[in-house]
């Protein structure tokens, strides 16, 4: 059925995402012996900006957003970049398995903070 096929695609996408994240962490670990963390972070976000810009250019969405939403999106971007910076720094300073294992506990923090931030 469509529901089962959709669920299978979602699971495949999640597994693929986890695999790509693992490869990215390995690449960061290897690069951190040569490049400073800030430079690795800059390279990652430069590539992301180029890919995202291309996607936006092709779809041409309406980017006229309410001021409050723009502020929230800016805050999300800054927090996300800070999070990635901390993650990449931990990959440089810790053994790879330890850094990746510690990074996977963020859903616990999300679950604990959600009731306070979302009012549930």
Foldseek 3Di string as FASTA:
>chain_A
DVVVVVVVVVVVVVVVVVVVVLVVLVVLLVCVVPDPLVVSLVVVVVVVVVVVVVVCVVVVDDPPDDPVVVVVVVVVVVVVSVVVSVLSVCSNVDPSVVSVVVVVCVVVVCVVCCCVVVVD
